[in-house]
């Protein structure tokens, strides 16, 4: 495979990876903010109610003081929505993929800690009632690996783009890119 073909494959995989991560974050945000009852319309009240219920799941991890549980429960899903859209846009991919890797790494750490101390709680990761266990650790580990791969790809493709020789008559890439 030529270097150009290899570069194209890497870029395609990078797009697929960031789209997958973006979809995961959009789904996670949707699942936490959607109205709790089927047929209930979307409204500010229904979203606040859903976020309050998510707050119960956040509190069940026994990590945060009560004063921070509400803030995390009300800020995390909108941030996941923002991050999902940011990943889908591809804007500032090095930064968005780094934030994604750090966030998912944090989620993984919380899930591992919860499992290790033996808390029998529901994850709340995707708004459902899956118990924290080995499957969540495996799933989050795979998400971390995907986020790290996207982050690495974003940094490498940017570096490769800067070092490519410019076409004749084109200005050379600057360090400001």
Protein backbone atom coordinates (compact mmCIF):
# COMPACT_ATOMS: atom_id res chain seq x y z
CA UNK A 1 0.00 0.00 0.00
CA UNK A 2 1.39 3.37 -0.94
CA UNK A 3 1.86 6.11 1.61
CA UNK A 4 -0.94 8.11 0.02
CA UNK A 5 -3.36 5.14 0.16
CA UNK A 6 -2.33 4.42 3.74
CA UNK A 7 -2.95 8.04 4.67
CA UNK A 8 -6.39 7.88 3.07
CA UNK A 9 -7.27 4.73 5.05
CA UNK A 10 -6.14 6.39 8.29
CA UNK A 11 -8.27 9.44 7.53
CA UNK A 12 -11.31 7.28 6.77
CA UNK A 13 -10.84 5.33 10.01
CA UNK A 14 -10.44 8.63 11.86
CA UNK A 15 -13.75 9.91 10.47
CA UNK A 16 -15.51 6.62 11.31
CA UNK A 17 -14.07 6.67 14.84
CA UNK A 18 -15.08 10.25 15.57
CA UNK A 19 -18.56 9.68 14.12
CA UNK A 20 -18.97 6.57 16.30
CA UNK A 21 -17.85 8.42 19.43
CA UNK A 22 -20.07 11.37 18.55
CA UNK A 23 -23.06 9.03 18.16
CA UNK A 24 -22.29 7.38 21.51
CA UNK A 25 -22.27 10.74 23.29
CA UNK A 26 -25.42 11.94 21.53
CA UNK A 27 -27.23 8.75 22.48
CA UNK A 28 -25.99 8.94 26.09
CA UNK A 29 -27.22 12.55 26.39
CA UNK A 30 -30.55 11.73 24.76
CA UNK A 31 -31.11 8.72 27.00
CA UNK A 32 -30.54 10.80 30.15
CA UNK A 33 -32.64 13.80 29.08
CA UNK A 34 -35.58 12.17 27.28
CA UNK A 35 -39.01 12.26 28.91
CA UNK A 36 -39.39 9.38 31.33
CA UNK A 37 -42.82 8.24 30.20
CA UNK A 38 -43.61 7.10 26.68
CA UNK A 39 -45.75 9.67 24.93
CA UNK A 40 -44.74 12.49 27.29
CA UNK A 41 -43.81 15.56 25.26
CA UNK A 42 -40.37 17.11 25.38
CA UNK A 43 -40.43 20.20 27.56
CA UNK A 44 -38.17 22.02 29.97
CA UNK A 45 -40.08 20.37 32.81
CA UNK A 46 -39.72 16.84 31.40
CA UNK A 47 -35.99 17.37 30.86
CA UNK A 48 -35.54 18.73 34.39
CA UNK A 49 -37.42 15.70 35.74
CA UNK A 50 -35.24 13.31 33.75
CA UNK A 51 -32.09 15.05 34.95
CA UNK A 52 -33.33 14.87 38.55
CA UNK A 53 -33.82 11.12 38.13
CA UNK A 54 -30.33 10.87 36.64
CA UNK A 55 -29.17 12.67 39.78
CA UNK A 56 -30.32 9.66 41.81
CA UNK A 57 -28.05 7.46 39.72
CA UNK A 58 -25.14 9.87 40.12
CA UNK A 59 -25.70 9.88 43.88
CA UNK A 60 -25.75 6.07 44.01
CA UNK A 61 -22.04 6.01 43.10
CA UNK A 62 -21.32 7.52 46.53
CA UNK A 63 -18.50 9.69 45.18
CA UNK A 64 -19.80 13.22 45.40
CA UNK A 65 -21.15 15.33 48.22
CA UNK A 66 -24.86 16.05 47.92
CA UNK A 67 -24.08 19.63 46.94
CA UNK A 68 -22.32 18.46 43.74
CA UNK A 69 -24.66 15.62 42.72
CA UNK A 70 -27.31 17.97 41.33
CA UNK A 71 -24.74 20.04 39.44
CA UNK A 72 -23.15 16.96 37.84
CA UNK A 73 -26.55 15.46 36.99
CA UNK A 74 -27.69 18.67 35.33
CA UNK A 75 -24.43 19.51 33.54
CA UNK A 76 -23.12 16.13 32.37
CA UNK A 77 -25.88 15.24 29.84
CA UNK A 78 -25.83 18.66 28.11
CA UNK A 79 -22.02 18.45 28.02
CA UNK A 80 -22.30 14.97 26.45
CA UNK A 81 -24.66 16.45 23.86
CA UNK A 82 -22.20 19.26 23.15
CA UNK A 83 -19.26 16.84 22.95
CA UNK A 84 -21.15 14.53 20.59
CA UNK A 85 -21.95 17.41 18.25
CA UNK A 86 -18.38 18.68 18.51
CA UNK A 87 -16.99 15.27 17.53
CA UNK A 88 -19.42 15.01 14.63
CA UNK A 89 -18.36 18.43 13.36
CA UNK A 90 -14.68 17.49 13.28
CA UNK A 91 -13.73 21.02 14.40
CA UNK A 92 -10.59 21.12 16.58
CA UNK A 93 -10.48 17.33 16.54
CA UNK A 94 -7.23 17.13 18.51
CA UNK A 95 -8.87 19.00 21.39
CA UNK A 96 -12.29 17.31 21.20
CA UNK A 97 -10.75 13.85 21.03
CA UNK A 98 -8.49 14.63 23.99
CA UNK A 99 -11.47 15.83 26.05
CA UNK A 100 -13.36 12.70 24.97
CA UNK A 101 -10.54 10.35 25.98
CA UNK A 102 -10.20 12.05 29.36
CA UNK A 103 -13.95 11.97 30.02
CA UNK A 104 -14.38 8.33 29.04
CA UNK A 105 -11.26 7.46 31.04
CA UNK A 106 -12.88 9.14 34.04
CA UNK A 107 -16.09 7.19 33.46
CA UNK A 108 -14.08 3.97 33.28
CA UNK A 109 -12.31 4.79 36.53
CA UNK A 110 -15.64 5.40 38.28
CA UNK A 111 -17.14 2.16 36.95
CA UNK A 112 -14.07 0.12 37.97
CA UNK A 113 -14.05 1.69 41.44
CA UNK A 114 -17.78 1.02 41.86
CA UNK A 115 -17.40 -2.60 40.84
CA UNK A 116 -14.33 -3.11 43.05
CA UNK A 117 -16.03 -1.77 46.19
CA UNK A 118 -19.02 -3.99 45.49
CA UNK A 119 -21.75 -1.39 45.04
CA UNK A 120 -24.79 -3.04 43.47
CA UNK A 121 -26.07 -0.07 41.48
CA UNK A 122 -27.27 0.70 38.00
CA UNK A 123 -24.79 2.36 35.69
CA UNK A 124 -27.00 5.14 34.31
CA UNK A 125 -24.53 5.48 31.45
CA UNK A 126 -27.13 5.31 28.71
CA UNK A 127 -30.19 6.10 30.77
CA UNK A 128 -30.99 2.44 31.30
CA UNK A 129 -30.84 0.18 34.26
CA UNK A 130 -27.84 -2.00 33.45
CA UNK A 131 -26.01 -2.99 36.65
CA UNK A 132 -22.37 -2.02 37.05
CA UNK A 133 -20.33 -5.11 36.27
CA UNK A 134 -17.71 -6.61 33.98
CA UNK A 135 -19.66 -5.77 30.82
CA UNK A 136 -19.60 -2.02 31.62
CA UNK A 137 -15.87 -2.21 32.33
CA UNK A 138 -15.25 -3.95 28.99
CA UNK A 139 -17.53 -1.55 27.11
CA UNK A 140 -15.95 1.55 28.66
CA UNK A 141 -12.46 0.12 28.06
CA UNK A 142 -13.30 -0.29 24.38
CA UNK A 143 -14.63 3.28 24.27
CA UNK A 144 -11.39 4.51 25.87
CA UNK A 145 -9.36 2.62 23.26
CA UNK A 146 -11.46 4.11 20.46
CA UNK A 147 -11.12 7.61 21.92
CA UNK A 148 -7.35 7.17 22.26
CA UNK A 149 -7.14 5.89 18.67
CA UNK A 150 -9.10 8.92 17.41
CA UNK A 151 -6.94 11.25 19.49
CA UNK A 152 -3.73 9.65 18.18
CA UNK A 153 -5.05 9.73 14.63
CA UNK A 154 -6.01 13.39 14.97
CA UNK A 155 -2.51 14.30 16.14
CA UNK A 156 -0.75 12.11 13.55
CA UNK A 157 -2.80 13.22 10.57
CA UNK A 158 -2.29 16.84 11.56
CA UNK A 159 1.47 16.28 11.84
CA UNK A 160 1.53 14.41 8.50
CA UNK A 161 -0.45 17.21 6.89
CA UNK A 162 2.10 19.77 8.09
CA UNK A 163 5.10 17.78 6.84
CA UNK A 164 3.73 16.93 3.38
CA UNK A 165 5.59 18.67 0.59
CA UNK A 166 3.46 21.43 -0.94
CA UNK A 167 2.44 21.13 -4.56
CA UNK A 168 4.40 23.26 -6.97
CA UNK A 169 3.30 26.87 -6.72
CA UNK A 170 1.64 26.31 -3.30
CA UNK A 171 2.96 27.98 -0.16
CA UNK A 172 4.46 25.62 2.39
CA UNK A 173 2.35 24.78 5.45
CA UNK A 174 3.10 27.01 8.40
CA UNK A 175 3.63 26.03 12.03
CA UNK A 176 0.48 27.99 12.96
CA UNK A 177 -1.77 25.24 11.50
